[in-house]
Amino acid sequence: MFAIIAAVIFGLALILDWADATVSDAFTPQTLLMAGLLCIALHLAGIGASTKWRGRRR
């Protein structure tokens, strides 16, 4: 789930960077980049995983 959120945030940061738009000081491309990296780190740490792996039953 966090990987999808990070992809959306990275896409938004890229669009803002290409358009050279300034929404506000809180939503600069660098801030969105850091938010995306945080989501990727949480995803890699296993936070927010929806499935629980239990192994195979025989």
N, C-alpha and C. Protein backbone atom coordinates (compact mmCIF):
# COMPACT_ATOMS: atom_id res chain seq x y z
N MET A 1 0.82 -1.19 0.00
CA MET A 1 0.00 0.00 0.00
C MET A 1 0.87 1.26 0.00
N PHE A 2 1.91 1.25 0.82
CA PHE A 2 2.78 2.42 0.87
C PHE A 2 3.54 2.63 -0.43
N ALA A 3 3.80 1.55 -1.17
CA ALA A 3 4.50 1.69 -2.45
C ALA A 3 3.63 2.42 -3.47
N ILE A 4 2.33 2.16 -3.46
CA ILE A 4 1.42 2.85 -4.37
C ILE A 4 1.32 4.32 -3.99
N ILE A 5 1.23 4.60 -2.71
CA ILE A 5 1.18 5.99 -2.25
C ILE A 5 2.46 6.72 -2.64
N ALA A 6 3.59 6.05 -2.49
CA ALA A 6 4.87 6.66 -2.85
C ALA A 6 4.93 6.95 -4.35
N ALA A 7 4.42 6.04 -5.17
CA ALA A 7 4.42 6.26 -6.61
C ALA A 7 3.58 7.47 -6.99
N VAL A 8 2.45 7.64 -6.34
CA VAL A 8 1.59 8.80 -6.61
C VAL A 8 2.29 10.09 -6.17
N ILE A 9 2.93 10.06 -5.01
CA ILE A 9 3.63 11.24 -4.52
C ILE A 9 4.79 11.60 -5.43
N PHE A 10 5.56 10.57 -5.88
CA PHE A 10 6.67 10.84 -6.80
C PHE A 10 6.15 11.42 -8.11
N GLY A 11 5.04 10.91 -8.61
CA GLY A 11 4.45 11.45 -9.84
C GLY A 11 4.02 12.89 -9.68
N LEU A 12 3.41 13.22 -8.56
CA LEU A 12 3.00 14.59 -8.30
C LEU A 12 4.20 15.52 -8.18
N ALA A 13 5.26 15.04 -7.53
CA ALA A 13 6.48 15.85 -7.41
C ALA A 13 7.11 16.09 -8.78
N LEU A 14 7.08 15.08 -9.63
CA LEU A 14 7.65 15.23 -10.97
C LEU A 14 6.85 16.22 -11.80
N ILE A 15 5.55 16.16 -11.72
CA ILE A 15 4.70 17.10 -12.46
C ILE A 15 4.92 18.52 -11.96
N LEU A 16 5.00 18.70 -10.65
CA LEU A 16 5.25 20.04 -10.10
C LEU A 16 6.62 20.55 -10.52
N ASP A 17 7.60 19.67 -10.59
CA ASP A 17 8.95 20.08 -10.99
C ASP A 17 8.98 20.46 -12.47
N TRP A 18 8.32 19.65 -13.31
CA TRP A 18 8.28 19.97 -14.75
C TRP A 18 7.53 21.27 -15.02
N ALA A 19 6.43 21.49 -14.32
CA ALA A 19 5.61 22.68 -14.55
C ALA A 19 6.21 23.91 -13.89
N ASP A 20 7.20 23.69 -13.05
CA ASP A 20 7.84 24.77 -12.31
C ASP A 20 6.79 25.57 -11.52
N ALA A 21 5.82 24.82 -10.99
CA ALA A 21 4.72 25.43 -10.24
C ALA A 21 5.07 25.50 -8.77
N THR A 22 4.57 26.52 -8.13
CA THR A 22 4.73 26.67 -6.69
C THR A 22 3.35 26.69 -6.06
N VAL A 23 3.00 25.62 -5.38
CA VAL A 23 1.69 25.52 -4.74
C VAL A 23 1.75 26.24 -3.40
N SER A 24 2.68 25.85 -2.58
CA SER A 24 2.94 26.54 -1.31
C SER A 24 4.30 26.06 -0.82
N ASP A 25 4.73 26.58 0.29
CA ASP A 25 6.03 26.17 0.83
C ASP A 25 5.99 24.74 1.36
N ALA A 26 4.81 24.23 1.68
CA ALA A 26 4.70 22.89 2.23
C ALA A 26 4.76 21.81 1.15
N PHE A 27 4.44 22.15 -0.09
CA PHE A 27 4.37 21.15 -1.16
C PHE A 27 5.37 21.42 -2.26
N THR A 28 6.62 21.58 -1.90
CA THR A 28 7.66 21.72 -2.91
C THR A 28 8.03 20.33 -3.41
N PRO A 29 8.64 20.23 -4.59
CA PRO A 29 9.04 18.90 -5.07
C PRO A 29 10.00 18.18 -4.11
N GLN A 30 10.84 18.92 -3.41
CA GLN A 30 11.77 18.28 -2.47
C GLN A 30 11.01 17.71 -1.27
N THR A 31 9.99 18.40 -0.80
CA THR A 31 9.19 17.90 0.32
C THR A 31 8.43 16.64 -0.10
N LEU A 32 7.88 16.66 -1.31
CA LEU A 32 7.17 15.48 -1.80
C LEU A 32 8.13 14.31 -2.03
N LEU A 33 9.35 14.61 -2.44
CA LEU A 33 10.35 13.57 -2.60
C LEU A 33 10.64 12.89 -1.26
N MET A 34 10.79 13.69 -0.22
CA MET A 34 11.04 13.12 1.11
C MET A 34 9.84 12.31 1.60
N ALA A 35 8.63 12.77 1.32
CA ALA A 35 7.44 12.01 1.71
C ALA A 35 7.37 10.69 0.96
N GLY A 36 7.74 10.71 -0.31
CA GLY A 36 7.76 9.47 -1.09
C GLY A 36 8.80 8.50 -0.59
N LEU A 37 9.97 9.01 -0.25
CA LEU A 37 11.02 8.15 0.30
C LEU A 37 10.61 7.55 1.64
N LEU A 38 9.89 8.32 2.44
CA LEU A 38 9.38 7.81 3.71
C LEU A 38 8.41 6.66 3.47
N CYS A 39 7.52 6.81 2.49
CA CYS A 39 6.56 5.75 2.19
C CYS A 39 7.27 4.50 1.67
N ILE A 40 8.30 4.67 0.85
CA ILE A 40 9.06 3.52 0.37
C ILE A 40 9.77 2.82 1.53
N ALA A 41 10.33 3.60 2.45
CA ALA A 41 11.01 3.00 3.61
C ALA A 41 10.02 2.23 4.48
N LEU A 42 8.82 2.76 4.68
CA LEU A 42 7.81 2.06 5.46
C LEU A 42 7.36 0.79 4.76
N HIS A 43 7.24 0.86 3.43
CA HIS A 43 6.86 -0.33 2.66
C HIS A 43 7.92 -1.43 2.78
N LEU A 44 9.19 -1.04 2.66
CA LEU A 44 10.26 -2.02 2.75
C LEU A 44 10.41 -2.58 4.17
N ALA A 45 9.99 -1.81 5.17
CA ALA A 45 10.05 -2.29 6.54
C ALA A 45 8.90 -3.23 6.88
N GLY A 46 7.92 -3.32 5.99
CA GLY A 46 6.80 -4.23 6.21
C GLY A 46 5.62 -3.59 6.91
N ILE A 47 5.65 -2.30 7.11
CA ILE A 47 4.54 -1.60 7.75
C ILE A 47 3.40 -1.48 6.74
N GLY A 48 2.19 -1.79 7.17
CA GLY A 48 1.03 -1.65 6.30
C GLY A 48 0.81 -2.80 5.36
N ALA A 49 1.50 -3.91 5.56
CA ALA A 49 1.29 -5.08 4.71
C ALA A 49 -0.07 -5.69 5.02
N SER A 50 -0.83 -5.96 3.97
CA SER A 50 -2.19 -6.43 4.18
C SER A 50 -2.27 -7.95 4.31
N THR A 51 -1.27 -8.67 3.85
CA THR A 51 -1.33 -10.12 3.93
C THR A 51 -0.36 -10.62 5.00
N LYS A 52 -0.78 -11.64 5.67
CA LYS A 52 0.06 -12.28 6.67
C LYS A 52 0.55 -13.61 6.08
N TRP A 53 1.85 -13.79 6.05
CA TRP A 53 2.42 -15.01 5.51
C TRP A 53 2.53 -16.04 6.62
N ARG A 54 1.91 -17.20 6.43
CA ARG A 54 1.92 -18.23 7.47
C ARG A 54 2.58 -19.51 7.01
N GLY A 55 2.92 -19.63 5.79
CA GLY A 55 3.51 -20.87 5.31
C GLY A 55 2.44 -21.78 4.70
N ARG A 56 2.89 -22.89 4.17
CA ARG A 56 1.97 -23.81 3.50
C ARG A 56 1.38 -24.82 4.47
N ARG A 57 0.13 -25.12 4.27
CA ARG A 57 -0.51 -26.19 5.02
C ARG A 57 -0.45 -27.47 4.19
N ARG A 58 -0.33 -28.57 4.88
CA ARG A 58 -0.27 -29.84 4.15
C ARG A 58 -1.47 -30.69 4.46
